[in-house]
PDB file of N, CA and C in Angstrom:
ATOM      1  N   MET A   1      83.622 100.763  45.601  1.00  0.00           N
ATOM      2  CA  MET A   1      82.147 100.102  46.101  1.00  0.00           C
ATOM      3  C   MET A   1      81.723 101.140  44.616  1.00  0.00           C
ATOM      4  N   SER A   2      81.442 100.110  43.407  1.00  0.00           N
ATOM      5  CA  SER A   2      81.122 101.005  42.646  1.00  0.00           C
ATOM      6  C   SER A   2      79.672 101.248  42.441  1.00  0.00           C
ATOM      7  N   ILE A   3      79.013 101.211  43.697  1.00  0.00           N
ATOM      8  CA  ILE A   3      77.503 101.549  43.336  1.00  0.00           C
ATOM      9  C   ILE A   3      77.768 103.283  43.739  1.00  0.00           C
ATOM     10  N   ARG A   4      78.313 103.857  43.948  1.00  0.00           N
ATOM     11  CA  ARG A   4      78.352 105.301  44.580  1.00  0.00           C
ATOM     12  C   ARG A   4      78.742 106.186  42.695  1.00  0.00           C
ATOM     13  N   LEU A   5      79.196 105.343  41.721  1.00  0.00           N
ATOM     14  CA  LEU A   5      79.279 105.778  40.617  1.00  0.00           C
ATOM     15  C   LEU A   5      77.846 105.413  39.671  1.00  0.00           C
ATOM     16  N   TYR A   6      77.192 104.755  40.235  1.00  0.00           N
ATOM     17  CA  TYR A   6      75.958 104.998  39.547  1.00  0.00           C
ATOM     18  C   TYR A   6      74.866 105.513  40.005  1.00  0.00           C
ATOM     19  N   LEU A   7      75.136 105.684  41.658  1.00  0.00           N
ATOM     20  CA  LEU A   7      73.861 106.248  42.426  1.00  0.00           C
ATOM     21  C   LEU A   7      72.713 107.638  41.594  1.00  0.00           C
ATOM     22  N   LYS A   8      74.339 108.583  41.117  1.00  0.00           N
ATOM     23  CA  LYS A   8      73.384 109.641  40.851  1.00  0.00           C
ATOM     24  C   LYS A   8      72.258 108.905  39.361  1.00  0.00           C
ATOM     25  N   ASN A   9      73.048 108.142  38.334  1.00  0.00           N
ATOM     26  CA  ASN A   9      72.248 108.177  37.332  1.00  0.00           C
ATOM     27  C   ASN A   9      70.872 107.032  37.531  1.00  0.00           C
ATOM     28  N   TRP A  10      70.985 106.424  38.945  1.00  0.00           N
ATOM     29  CA  TRP A  10      69.769 105.540  38.939  1.00  0.00           C
ATOM     30  C   TRP A  10      68.539 106.450  39.654  1.00  0.00           C
ATOM     31  N   CYS A  11      68.841 107.279  40.035  1.00  0.00           N
ATOM     32  CA  CYS A  11      68.456 108.770  40.878  1.00  0.00           C
ATOM     33  C   CYS A  11      67.499 109.334  39.884  1.00  0.00           C
ATOM     34  N   GLN A  12      68.235 109.479  38.423  1.00  0.00           N
ATOM     35  CA  GLN A  12      67.683 109.981  37.818  1.00  0.00           C
ATOM     36  C   GLN A  12      66.760 108.923  36.845  1.00  0.00           C
ATOM     37  N   ALA A  13      67.276 107.882  36.702  1.00  0.00           N
ATOM     38  CA  ALA A  13      66.077 106.822  35.810  1.00  0.00           C
ATOM     39  C   ALA A  13      65.248 107.119  36.926  1.00  0.00           C
ATOM     40  N   LYS A  14      65.055 106.798  37.907  1.00  0.00           N
ATOM     41  CA  LYS A  14      63.973 106.625  39.011  1.00  0.00           C
ATOM     42  C   LYS A  14      63.266 107.817  39.068  1.00  0.00           C
ATOM     43  N   GLY A  15      63.815 109.175  38.662  1.00  0.00           N
ATOM     44  CA  GLY A  15      62.965 110.345  38.956  1.00  0.00           C
ATOM     45  C   GLY A  15      63.268 110.779  40.590  1.00  0.00           C
ATOM     46  N   LEU A  16      64.816 110.593  40.860  1.00  0.00           N
ATOM     47  CA  LEU A  16      64.503 110.822  42.489  1.00  0.00           C
ATOM     48  C   LEU A  16      65.660 111.965  42.800  1.00  0.00           C
ATOM     49  N   SER A  17      65.210 112.895  43.394  1.00  0.00           N
ATOM     50  CA  SER A  17      66.674 113.769  43.634  1.00  0.00           C
ATOM     51  C   SER A  17      67.279 112.904  44.566  1.00  0.00           C
ATOM     52  N   LEU A  18      68.615 113.817  45.154  1.00  0.00           N
ATOM     53  CA  LEU A  18      69.353 113.348  46.487  1.00  0.00           C
ATOM     54  C   LEU A  18      68.513 113.639  47.573  1.00  0.00           C
ATOM     55  N   CYS A  19      67.944 114.613  47.688  1.00  0.00           N
ATOM     56  CA  CYS A  19      67.213 114.962  48.420  1.00  0.00           C
ATOM     57  C   CYS A  19      66.206 114.132  48.983  1.00  0.00           C
ATOM     58  N   GLU A  20      65.642 114.345  47.503  1.00  0.00           N
ATOM     59  CA  GLU A  20      64.317 113.160  48.128  1.00  0.00           C
ATOM     60  C   GLU A  20      64.724 111.342  48.377  1.00  0.00           C
ATOM     61  N   LEU A  21      66.035 111.053  47.578  1.00  0.00           N
ATOM     62  CA  LEU A  21      66.228 110.223  48.090  1.00  0.00           C
ATOM     63  C   LEU A  21      67.135 109.782  49.703  1.00  0.00           C
ATOM     64  N   SER A  22      67.261 111.144  50.187  1.00  0.00           N
ATOM     65  CA  SER A  22      67.912 110.914  51.433  1.00  0.00           C
ATOM     66  C   SER A  22      66.429 110.996  52.521  1.00  0.00           C
ATOM     67  N   GLU A  23      65.495 112.001  52.116  1.00  0.00           N
ATOM     68  CA  GLU A  23      63.906 111.646  52.986  1.00  0.00           C
ATOM     69  C   GLU A  23      63.695 110.593  53.338  1.00  0.00           C
ATOM     70  N   GLN A  24      63.615 109.757  51.791  1.00  0.00           N
ATOM     71  CA  GLN A  24      63.069 108.476  51.613  1.00  0.00           C
ATOM     72  C   GLN A  24      63.638 107.036  52.645  1.00  0.00           C
ATOM     73  N   THR A  25      65.029 107.245  52.612  1.00  0.00           N
ATOM     74  CA  THR A  25      65.668 106.338  53.140  1.00  0.00           C
ATOM     75  C   THR A  25      66.087 107.233  54.665  1.00  0.00           C
ATOM     76  N   GLY A  26      66.693 107.701  55.056  1.00  0.00           N
ATOM     77  CA  GLY A  26      66.511 108.700  56.509  1.00  0.00           C
ATOM     78  C   GLY A  26      68.170 108.763  56.498  1.00  0.00           C
ATOM     79  N   VAL A  27      68.730 109.294  55.525  1.00  0.00           N
ATOM     80  CA  VAL A  27      70.576 109.657  55.360  1.00  0.00           C
ATOM     81  C   VAL A  27      70.495 110.784  55.074  1.00  0.00           C
ATOM     82  N   ALA A  28      71.447 111.653  55.898  1.00  0.00           N
ATOM     83  CA  ALA A  28      71.676 113.120  55.495  1.00  0.00           C
ATOM     84  C   ALA A  28      71.900 112.825  54.115  1.00  0.00           C
ATOM     85  N   THR A  29      71.463 113.622  53.588  1.00  0.00           N
ATOM     86  CA  THR A  29      72.248 114.283  51.895  1.00  0.00           C
ATOM     87  C   THR A  29      73.277 114.456  51.734  1.00  0.00           C
ATOM     88  N   SER A  30      73.951 115.364  52.607  1.00  0.00           N
ATOM     89  CA  SER A  30      75.260 115.289  52.848  1.00  0.00           C
ATOM     90  C   SER A  30      76.276 114.168  52.819  1.00  0.00           C
ATOM     91  N   ASP A  31      75.836 113.316  53.299  1.00  0.00           N
ATOM     92  CA  ASP A  31      76.575 111.750  53.841  1.00  0.00           C
ATOM     93  C   ASP A  31      76.077 110.905  52.245  1.00  0.00           C
ATOM     94  N   LEU A  32      74.843 111.289  51.266  1.00  0.00           N
ATOM     95  CA  LEU A  32      74.977 110.567  49.906  1.00  0.00           C
ATOM     96  C   LEU A  32      75.627 110.746  49.030  1.00  0.00           C
ATOM     97  N   GLN A  33      75.645 112.697  49.488  1.00  0.00           N
ATOM     98  CA  GLN A  33      76.955 113.702  48.392  1.00  0.00           C
ATOM     99  C   GLN A  33      78.173 113.025  48.699  1.00  0.00           C
ATOM    100  N   ASP A  34      78.537 112.546  49.797  1.00  0.00           N
ATOM    101  CA  ASP A  34      80.189 111.811  50.260  1.00  0.00           C
ATOM    102  C   ASP A  34      79.973 110.069  49.598  1.00  0.00           C
ATOM    103  N   PHE A  35      78.988 110.197  49.949  1.00  0.00           N
ATOM    104  CA  PHE A  35      79.179 108.996  49.412  1.00  0.00           C
ATOM    105  C   PHE A  35      79.108 108.888  47.605  1.00  0.00           C
ATOM    106  N   GLN A  36      78.949 109.443  47.064  1.00  0.00           N
ATOM    107  CA  GLN A  36      79.262 109.774  45.457  1.00  0.00           C
ATOM    108  C   GLN A  36      80.132 110.431  45.241  1.00  0.00           C
ATOM    109  N   GLN A  37      81.041 110.941  46.138  1.00  0.00           N
ATOM    110  CA  GLN A  37      82.925 111.419  46.311  1.00  0.00           C
ATOM    111  C   GLN A  37      83.182 110.077  46.471  1.00  0.00           C
ATOM    112  N   GLY A  38      83.086 109.222  47.121  1.00  0.00           N
ATOM    113  CA  GLY A  38      84.002 108.242  47.081  1.00  0.00           C
ATOM    114  C   GLY A  38      84.592 108.626  48.886  1.00  0.00           C
ATOM    115  N   GLU A  39      83.776 109.500  49.528  1.00  0.00           N
ATOM    116  CA  GLU A  39      84.532 110.079  50.652  1.00  0.00           C
ATOM    117  C   GLU A  39      83.938 109.102  51.987  1.00  0.00           C
ATOM    118  N   TRP A  40      82.704 108.355  52.065  1.00  0.00           N
ATOM    119  CA  TRP A  40      82.265 107.864  52.672  1.00  0.00           C
ATOM    120  C   TRP A  40      81.671 105.918  52.088  1.00  0.00           C
ATOM    121  N   ASP A  41      82.192 104.888  53.183  1.00  0.00           N
ATOM    122  CA  ASP A  41      81.722 103.932  52.493  1.00  0.00           C
ATOM    123  C   ASP A  41      80.004 103.509  53.529  1.00  0.00           C
ATOM    124  N   PRO A  42      79.614 103.889  53.129  1.00  0.00           N
ATOM    125  CA  PRO A  42      78.112 103.569  54.391  1.00  0.00           C
ATOM    126  C   PRO A  42      77.725 101.707  54.300  1.00  0.00           C
ATOM    127  N   PRO A  43      77.227 101.287  55.248  1.00  0.00           N
ATOM    128  CA  PRO A  43      76.877 100.299  55.806  1.00  0.00           C
ATOM    129  C   PRO A  43      76.010  99.274  54.930  1.00  0.00           C
ATOM    130  N   LEU A  44      75.904  98.653  54.879  1.00  0.00           N
ATOM    131  CA  LEU A  44      75.057  97.028  54.439  1.00  0.00           C
ATOM    132  C   LEU A  44      73.700  97.525  54.027  1.00  0.00           C
ATOM    133  N   SER A  45      73.436  97.988  55.556  1.00  0.00           N
ATOM    134  CA  SER A  45      71.999  98.637  56.197  1.00  0.00           C
ATOM    135  C   SER A  45      71.582 100.045  54.609  1.00  0.00           C
ATOM    136  N   ILE A  46      72.026 100.723  55.074  1.00  0.00           N
ATOM    137  CA  ILE A  46      72.293 101.923  54.441  1.00  0.00           C
ATOM    138  C   ILE A  46      71.931 101.847  52.579  1.00  0.00           C
ATOM    139  N   VAL A  47      72.705 100.650  52.154  1.00  0.00           N
ATOM    140  CA  VAL A  47      72.512 100.391  50.844  1.00  0.00           C
ATOM    141  C   VAL A  47      71.573 100.068  50.184  1.00  0.00           C
ATOM    142  N   THR A  48      71.295  98.851  51.145  1.00  0.00           N
ATOM    143  CA  THR A  48      69.916  97.985  51.103  1.00  0.00           C
ATOM    144  C   THR A  48      68.587  99.066  50.974  1.00  0.00           C
ATOM    145  N   ALA A  49      69.082 100.076  51.953  1.00  0.00           N
ATOM    146  CA  ALA A  49      67.643 100.883  51.960  1.00  0.00           C
ATOM    147  C   ALA A  49      67.744 102.115  50.580  1.00  0.00           C
ATOM    148  N   ILE A  50      69.015 102.288  50.387  1.00  0.00           N
ATOM    149  CA  ILE A  50      68.572 102.864  49.145  1.00  0.00           C
ATOM    150  C   ILE A  50      68.528 102.133  47.813  1.00  0.00           C
ATOM    151  N   ALA A  51      68.485 100.930  47.570  1.00  0.00           N
ATOM    152  CA  ALA A  51      67.744 100.003  46.603  1.00  0.00           C
ATOM    153  C   ALA A  51      66.513 100.180  46.977  1.00  0.00           C
ATOM    154  N   ARG A  52      66.005  99.625  48.233  1.00  0.00           N
ATOM    155  CA  ARG A  52      64.386  99.472  48.564  1.00  0.00           C
ATOM    156  C   ARG A  52      63.770 101.338  47.688  1.00  0.00           C
ATOM    157  N   SER A  53      64.469 102.224  48.849  1.00  0.00           N
ATOM    158  CA  SER A  53      63.378 103.563  47.751  1.00  0.00           C
ATOM    159  C   SER A  53      63.556 103.397  46.536  1.00  0.00           C
ATOM    160  N   LEU A  54      64.921 103.005  45.747  1.00  0.00           N
ATOM    161  CA  LEU A  54      65.005 103.402  44.514  1.00  0.00           C
ATOM    162  C   LEU A  54      64.031 102.065  43.207  1.00  0.00           C
ATOM    163  N   ASP A  55      63.366 101.051  44.759  1.00  0.00           N
ATOM    164  CA  ASP A  55      62.520  99.938  43.863  1.00  0.00           C
ATOM    165  C   ASP A  55      63.570  98.817  43.204  1.00  0.00           C
ATOM    166  N   VAL A  56      64.590  98.815  43.278  1.00  0.00           N
ATOM    167  CA  VAL A  56      65.396  97.622  42.325  1.00  0.00           C
ATOM    168  C   VAL A  56      66.158  96.682  43.250  1.00  0.00           C
ATOM    169  N   PRO A  57      66.665  95.732  42.951  1.00  0.00           N
ATOM    170  CA  PRO A  57      67.264  94.350  43.550  1.00  0.00           C
ATOM    171  C   PRO A  57      68.715  95.420  43.760  1.00  0.00           C
ATOM    172  N   MET A  58      69.199  94.975  45.258  1.00  0.00           N
ATOM    173  CA  MET A  58      70.635  95.422  45.685  1.00  0.00           C
ATOM    174  C   MET A  58      72.065  95.623  44.477  1.00  0.00           C
ATOM    175  N   SER A  59      71.908  94.298  43.695  1.00  0.00           N
ATOM    176  CA  SER A  59      72.912  93.892  42.714  1.00  0.00           C
ATOM    177  C   SER A  59      73.017  94.629  42.029  1.00  0.00           C
ATOM    178  N   TRP A  60      71.509  95.127  41.477  1.00  0.00           N
ATOM    179  CA  TRP A  60      71.680  96.573  40.451  1.00  0.00           C
ATOM    180  C   TRP A  60      72.277  97.434  40.481  1.00  0.00           C
ATOM    181  N   LEU A  61      72.622  97.792  41.708  1.00  0.00           N
ATOM    182  CA  LEU A  61      73.100  99.189  42.084  1.00  0.00           C
ATOM    183  C   LEU A  61      74.709  99.450  41.537  1.00  0.00           C
ATOM    184  N   HIS A  62      75.128  98.214  41.131  1.00  0.00           N
ATOM    185  CA  HIS A  62      76.570  97.748  40.632  1.00  0.00           C
ATOM    186  C   HIS A  62      76.496  98.377  39.115  1.00  0.00           C
ATOM    187  N   TYR A  63      75.665  98.505  38.731  1.00  0.00           N
ATOM    188  CA  TYR A  63      75.409  98.805  37.159  1.00  0.00           C
ATOM    189  C   TYR A  63      75.162  99.801  36.720  1.00  0.00           C
ATOM    190  N   ASP A  64      75.147 100.560  35.630  1.00  0.00           N
ATOM    191  CA  ASP A  64      74.520 101.877  35.353  1.00  0.00           C
ATOM    192  C   ASP A  64      72.659 101.237  35.002  1.00  0.00           C
ATOM    193  N   PRO A  65      71.948 102.053  35.160  1.00  0.00           N
ATOM    194  CA  PRO A  65      70.839 101.784  34.950  1.00  0.00           C
ATOM    195  C   PRO A  65      70.633 101.742  33.569  1.00  0.00           C
ATOM    196  N   LEU A  66      71.217 102.433  32.348  1.00  0.00           N
ATOM    197  CA  LEU A  66      71.570 101.977  30.799  1.00  0.00           C
ATOM    198  C   LEU A  66      71.648 100.619  31.171  1.00  0.00           C
ATOM    199  N   VAL A  67      72.255 100.194  31.121  1.00  0.00           N
ATOM    200  CA  VAL A  67      72.979  99.070  31.156  1.00  0.00           C
ATOM    201  C   VAL A  67      72.010  97.815  31.121  1.00  0.00           C
ATOM    202  N   ILE A  68      71.244  97.582  32.750  1.00  0.00           N
ATOM    203  CA  ILE A  68      69.873  97.234  33.211  1.00  0.00           C
ATOM    204  C   ILE A  68      69.261  97.325  32.139  1.00  0.00           C
ATOM    205  N   GLN A  69      68.737  98.527  31.642  1.00  0.00           N
ATOM    206  CA  GLN A  69      67.477  98.801  30.727  1.00  0.00           C
ATOM    207  C   GLN A  69      67.011  97.636  29.577  1.00  0.00           C
ATOM    208  N   ARG A  70      68.752  97.824  29.151  1.00  0.00           N
ATOM    209  CA  ARG A  70      69.437  97.331  27.565  1.00  0.00           C
ATOM    210  C   ARG A  70      69.031  95.857  27.724  1.00  0.00           C
ATOM    211  N   LEU A  71      69.827  95.568  28.843  1.00  0.00           N
ATOM    212  CA  LEU A  71      69.496  93.645  28.872  1.00  0.00           C
ATOM    213  C   LEU A  71      67.906  93.367  29.506  1.00  0.00           C
ATOM    214  N   TRP A  72      67.110  94.213  29.597  1.00  0.00           N
ATOM    215  CA  TRP A  72      65.502  93.715  30.118  1.00  0.00           C
ATOM    216  C   TRP A  72      64.966  94.057  29.039  1.00  0.00           C
ATOM    217  N   SER A  73      65.261  95.051  27.789  1.00  0.00           N
ATOM    218  CA  SER A  73      64.202  94.972  26.601  1.00  0.00           C
ATOM    219  C   SER A  73      64.685  94.358  25.548  1.00  0.00           C
ATOM    220  N   ASP A  74      63.396  94.185  25.079  1.00  0.00           N
ATOM    221  CA  ASP A  74      63.374  93.448  23.685  1.00  0.00           C
ATOM    222  C   ASP A  74      63.000  93.991  22.789  1.00  0.00           C
ATOM    223  N   PRO A  75      63.343  95.011  21.202  1.00  0.00           N
ATOM    224  CA  PRO A  75      62.916  95.745  20.674  1.00  0.00           C
ATOM    225  C   PRO A  75      61.449  94.891  20.158  1.00  0.00           C
ATOM    226  N   GLU A  76      60.868  93.829  20.295  1.00  0.00           N
ATOM    227  CA  GLU A  76      60.187  93.036  19.600  1.00  0.00           C
ATOM    228  C   GLU A  76      58.878  92.643  20.921  1.00  0.00           C
ATOM    229  N   GLU A  77      59.485  93.200  21.822  1.00  0.00           N
ATOM    230  CA  GLU A  77      58.256  92.525  22.832  1.00  0.00           C
ATOM    231  C   GLU A  77      57.405  94.429  23.206  1.00  0.00           C
ATOM    232  N   ASP A  78      56.224  94.060  23.134  1.00  0.00           N
ATOM    233  CA  ASP A  78      55.747  95.389  23.981  1.00  0.00           C
ATOM    234  C   ASP A  78      55.776  95.528  25.027  1.00  0.00           C
ATOM    235  N   ARG A  79      55.402  94.324  25.740  1.00  0.00           N
ATOM    236  CA  ARG A  79      56.057  94.896  27.392  1.00  0.00           C
ATOM    237  C   ARG A  79      56.631  93.575  27.982  1.00  0.00           C
ATOM    238  N   PRO A  80      57.971  93.555  28.090  1.00  0.00           N
ATOM    239  CA  PRO A  80      58.886  92.667  28.490  1.00  0.00           C
ATOM    240  C   PRO A  80      58.307  92.326  30.079  1.00  0.00           C
ATOM    241  N   THR A  81      58.565  91.156  30.133  1.00  0.00           N
ATOM    242  CA  THR A  81      58.552  90.279  31.507  1.00  0.00           C
ATOM    243  C   THR A  81      58.867  90.901  32.519  1.00  0.00           C
ATOM    244  N   LEU A  82      59.079  92.030  33.314  1.00  0.00           N
ATOM    245  CA  LEU A  82      60.274  92.325  34.971  1.00  0.00           C
ATOM    246  C   LEU A  82      60.387  90.847  35.276  1.00  0.00           C
ATOM    247  N   PRO A  83      61.386  91.126  36.213  1.00  0.00           N
ATOM    248  CA  PRO A  83      61.770  90.237  36.699  1.00  0.00           C
ATOM    249  C   PRO A  83      61.121  90.244  38.644  1.00  0.00           C
ATOM    250  N   ASP A  84      61.048  89.146  38.497  1.00  0.00           N
ATOM    251  CA  ASP A  84      60.764  88.487  41.005  1.00  0.00           C
ATOM    252  C   ASP A  84      61.874  88.969  41.288  1.00  0.00           C
ATOM    253  N   PHE A  85      61.476  90.309  41.848  1.00  0.00           N
ATOM    254  CA  PHE A  85      62.219  91.136  42.510  1.00  0.00           C
ATOM    255  C   PHE A  85      62.852  90.103  43.885  1.00  0.00           C
ATOM    256  N   SER A  86      62.646  88.927  44.265  1.00  0.00           N
ATOM    257  CA  SER A  86      62.852  88.521  45.135  1.00  0.00           C
ATOM    258  C   SER A  86      64.007  87.523  44.592  1.00  0.00           C
ATOM    259  N   SER A  87      63.716  87.075  43.405  1.00  0.00           N
ATOM    260  CA  SER A  87      65.130  86.388  42.939  1.00  0.00           C
ATOM    261  C   SER A  87      66.418  87.000  43.429  1.00  0.00           C
ATOM    262  N   PRO A  88      67.011  86.167  43.967  1.00  0.00           N
ATOM    263  CA  PRO A  88      68.448  86.767  44.368  1.00  0.00           C
ATOM    264  C   PRO A  88      69.183  87.285  43.050  1.00  0.00           C
ATOM    265  N   ASP A  89      69.053  86.831  41.927  1.00  0.00           N
ATOM    266  CA  ASP A  89      69.764  87.837  40.778  1.00  0.00           C
ATOM    267  C   ASP A  89      68.893  88.130  39.334  1.00  0.00           C
ATOM    268  N   PRO A  90      68.031  88.426  39.545  1.00  0.00           N
ATOM    269  CA  PRO A  90      67.063  88.654  38.250  1.00  0.00           C
ATOM    270  C   PRO A  90      67.621  88.767  37.056  1.00  0.00           C
ATOM    271  N   LEU A  91      68.888  89.192  36.752  1.00  0.00           N
ATOM    272  CA  LEU A  91      69.138  89.368  35.624  1.00  0.00           C
ATOM    273  C   LEU A  91      69.684  87.412  35.150  1.00  0.00           C
ATOM    274  N   LEU A  92      70.377  87.027  35.877  1.00  0.00           N
ATOM    275  CA  LEU A  92      69.931  85.634  36.016  1.00  0.00           C
ATOM    276  C   LEU A  92      69.089  84.786  35.660  1.00  0.00           C
ATOM    277  N   GLN A  93      68.000  84.954  36.225  1.00  0.00           N
ATOM    278  CA  GLN A  93      66.770  84.775  35.916  1.00  0.00           C
ATOM    279  C   GLN A  93      66.324  85.209  34.022  1.00  0.00           C
ATOM    280  N   ARG A  94      66.662  86.200  34.093  1.00  0.00           N
ATOM    281  CA  ARG A  94      66.365  86.720  32.629  1.00  0.00           C
ATOM    282  C   ARG A  94      66.949  85.820  31.371  1.00  0.00           C
ATOM    283  N   ILE A  95      67.766  85.888  31.587  1.00  0.00           N
ATOM    284  CA  ILE A  95      68.947  84.973  30.326  1.00  0.00           C
ATOM    285  C   ILE A  95      68.442  83.902  30.598  1.00  0.00           C
ATOM    286  N   ILE A  96      68.280  82.779  31.608  1.00  0.00           N
ATOM    287  CA  ILE A  96      67.108  81.730  31.466  1.00  0.00           C
ATOM    288  C   ILE A  96      66.406  81.799  30.540  1.00  0.00           C
ATOM    289  N   GLN A  97      65.588  82.763  31.369  1.00  0.00           N
ATOM    290  CA  GLN A  97      64.208  82.841  30.453  1.00  0.00           C
ATOM    291  C   GLN A  97      64.682  83.247  28.971  1.00  0.00           C
ATOM    292  N   LEU A  98      64.960  83.834  28.713  1.00  0.00           N
ATOM    293  CA  LEU A  98      65.260  83.757  27.338  1.00  0.00           C
ATOM    294  C   LEU A  98      66.246  82.487  26.548  1.00  0.00           C
ATOM    295  N   ASN A  99      67.035  81.857  27.608  1.00  0.00           N
ATOM    296  CA  ASN A  99      67.609  80.650  26.857  1.00  0.00           C
ATOM    297  C   ASN A  99      66.691  79.458  26.602  1.00  0.00           C
ATOM    298  N   GLN A 100      65.694  79.835  27.400  1.00  0.00           N
ATOM    299  CA  GLN A 100      64.571  78.873  27.094  1.00  0.00           C
ATOM    300  C   GLN A 100      63.756  79.177  25.575  1.00  0.00           C
ATOM    301  N   ASP A 101      63.424  80.205  25.698  1.00  0.00           N
ATOM    302  CA  ASP A 101      62.763  80.812  24.165  1.00  0.00           C
ATOM    303  C   ASP A 101      63.862  80.722  23.326  1.00  0.00           C
ATOM    304  N   TYR A 102      65.469  81.211  23.520  1.00  0.00           N
ATOM    305  CA  TYR A 102      65.967  81.270  22.172  1.00  0.00           C
ATOM    306  C   TYR A 102      67.003  80.117  22.160  1.00  0.00           C
ATOM    307  N   GLN A 103      66.957  78.764  22.026  1.00  0.00           N
ATOM    308  CA  GLN A 103      68.379  78.189  22.325  1.00  0.00           C
ATOM    309  C   GLN A 103      69.105  78.275  21.860  1.00  0.00           C
ATOM    310  N   ASP A 104      68.451  77.658  20.262  1.00  0.00           N
ATOM    311  CA  ASP A 104      69.619  77.896  19.083  1.00  0.00           C
ATOM    312  C   ASP A 104      70.450  79.109  19.421  1.00  0.00           C
ATOM    313  N   HIS A 105      70.134  79.964  19.494  1.00  0.00           N
ATOM    314  CA  HIS A 105      71.015  81.328  19.763  1.00  0.00           C
ATOM    315  C   HIS A 105      71.739  81.297  20.587  1.00  0.00           C
ATOM    316  N   PHE A 106      71.376  80.800  21.744  1.00  0.00           N
ATOM    317  CA  PHE A 106      72.520  81.085  22.986  1.00  0.00           C
ATOM    318  C   PHE A 106      73.498  79.642  22.944  1.00  0.00           C
ATOM    319  N   ALA A 107      72.864  78.815  22.265  1.00  0.00           N
ATOM    320  CA  ALA A 107      73.818  77.607  21.874  1.00  0.00           C
ATOM    321  C   ALA A 107      75.204  77.947  21.017  1.00  0.00           C
ATOM    322  N   LEU A 108      75.170  78.870  20.050  1.00  0.00           N
ATOM    323  CA  LEU A 108      75.482  79.322  18.739  1.00  0.00           C
ATOM    324  C   LEU A 108      76.578  80.708  19.200  1.00  0.00           C
ATOM    325  N   LEU A 109      75.610  81.093  20.246  1.00  0.00           N
ATOM    326  CA  LEU A 109      76.866  82.539  21.148  1.00  0.00           C
ATOM    327  C   LEU A 109      77.819  81.140  22.184  1.00  0.00           C
ATOM    328  N   ALA A 110      77.267  80.687  22.462  1.00  0.00           N
ATOM    329  CA  ALA A 110      78.442  80.172  23.961  1.00  0.00           C
ATOM    330  C   ALA A 110      78.831  79.351  23.405  1.00  0.00           C
ATOM    331  N   SER A 111      79.039  78.527  21.738  1.00  0.00           N
ATOM    332  CA  SER A 111      80.074  78.139  21.042  1.00  0.00           C
ATOM    333  C   SER A 111      81.107  79.367  20.435  1.00  0.00           C
ATOM    334  N   LEU A 112      80.574  80.130  20.419  1.00  0.00           N
ATOM    335  CA  LEU A 112      81.304  81.641  19.519  1.00  0.00           C
ATOM    336  C   LEU A 112      82.413  82.001  20.313  1.00  0.00           C
ATOM    337  N   LEU A 113      81.651  82.269  21.743  1.00  0.00           N
ATOM    338  CA  LEU A 113      82.550  82.697  22.770  1.00  0.00           C
ATOM    339  C   LEU A 113      83.657  81.491  23.659  1.00  0.00           C
ATOM    340  N   HIS A 114      83.454  80.335  23.387  1.00  0.00           N
ATOM    341  CA  HIS A 114      83.989  79.641  23.854  1.00  0.00           C
ATOM    342  C   HIS A 114      85.881  79.355  22.980  1.00  0.00           C
ATOM    343  N   HIS A 115      84.911  79.518  21.520  1.00  0.00           N
ATOM    344  CA  HIS A 115      85.920  79.519  20.772  1.00  0.00           C
ATOM    345  C   HIS A 115      86.921  80.067  20.840  1.00  0.00           C
ATOM    346  N   GLY A 116      86.495  81.341  21.001  1.00  0.00           N
ATOM    347  CA  GLY A 116      87.492  82.520  21.216  1.00  0.00           C
ATOM    348  C   GLY A 116      88.083  83.315  20.146  1.00  0.00           C
ATOM    349  N   ASP A 117      87.327  82.794  18.897  1.00  0.00           N
ATOM    350  CA  ASP A 117      88.285  83.827  17.340  1.00  0.00           C
ATOM    351  C   ASP A 117      87.345  84.888  17.408  1.00  0.00           C
ATOM    352  N   ALA A 118      88.654  86.256  16.938  1.00  0.00           N
ATOM    353  CA  ALA A 118      87.779  87.146  17.544  1.00  0.00           C
ATOM    354  C   ALA A 118      87.166  87.511  16.542  1.00  0.00           C
ATOM    355  N   LYS A 119      87.878  86.802  15.072  1.00  0.00           N
ATOM    356  CA  LYS A 119      86.594  86.995  13.521  1.00  0.00           C
ATOM    357  C   LYS A 119      85.253  86.621  13.749  1.00  0.00           C
ATOM    358  N   LEU A 120      85.141  85.834  14.259  1.00  0.00           N
ATOM    359  CA  LEU A 120      83.863  84.687  14.851  1.00  0.00           C
ATOM    360  C   LEU A 120      82.909  85.613  15.892  1.00  0.00           C
ATOM    361  N   ILE A 121      83.363  86.069  16.829  1.00  0.00           N
ATOM    362  CA  ILE A 121      82.370  86.993  17.468  1.00  0.00           C
ATOM    363  C   ILE A 121      82.526  88.461  16.718  1.00  0.00           C
ATOM    364  N   ARG A 122      83.357  88.926  16.325  1.00  0.00           N
ATOM    365  CA  ARG A 122      82.904  90.123  15.915  1.00  0.00           C
ATOM    366  C   ARG A 122      81.701  89.732  14.511  1.00  0.00           C
ATOM    367  N   ALA A 123      81.692  88.912  14.063  1.00  0.00           N
ATOM    368  CA  ALA A 123      80.559  87.968  12.985  1.00  0.00           C
ATOM    369  C   ALA A 123      79.569  87.801  13.650  1.00  0.00           C
ATOM    370  N   ALA A 124      79.418  87.595  14.639  1.00  0.00           N
ATOM    371  CA  ALA A 124      78.205  87.045  15.121  1.00  0.00           C
ATOM    372  C   ALA A 124      77.530  88.857  15.989  1.00  0.00           C
ATOM    373  N   GLN A 125      78.700  89.684  16.527  1.00  0.00           N
ATOM    374  CA  GLN A 125      78.393  90.892  16.756  1.00  0.00           C
ATOM    375  C   GLN A 125      77.246  91.349  16.128  1.00  0.00           C
ATOM    376  N   VAL A 126      77.901  91.624  14.406  1.00  0.00           N
ATOM    377  CA  VAL A 126      77.871  92.267  13.443  1.00  0.00           C
ATOM    378  C   VAL A 126      76.294  91.701  12.764  1.00  0.00           C
ATOM    379  N   SER A 127      75.877  90.739  13.302  1.00  0.00           N
ATOM    380  CA  SER A 127      74.810  89.959  12.463  1.00  0.00           C
ATOM    381  C   SER A 127      73.833  89.476  13.485  1.00  0.00           C
TER     382      SER A 127
END
């Protein structure tokens, strides 16, 4: 389960120690440590409690928080619109929102990715 790989990063991003997460979720600290080391596979109810304590959608736990932050932040936005956490997939919601705001860019990027030419894709990344 990839969540275990990023649990420490999510705790750091939210300013929580493993002990504090343990208190909030009701899961023993030793169990959370075992989870991080891949020695315990918690039930869905525990993973849900972890996500709730970290105040993020459960699907985000599969990714490094820095990746989510990069996807969500726009250097030109003072205050990026945060997702509706009741949405099944807040990242897809953000992509759709940006697609509406920047249709030309998304059409060009989709075309480049569909074509698959490595030189074109690299040129798009550079510019």
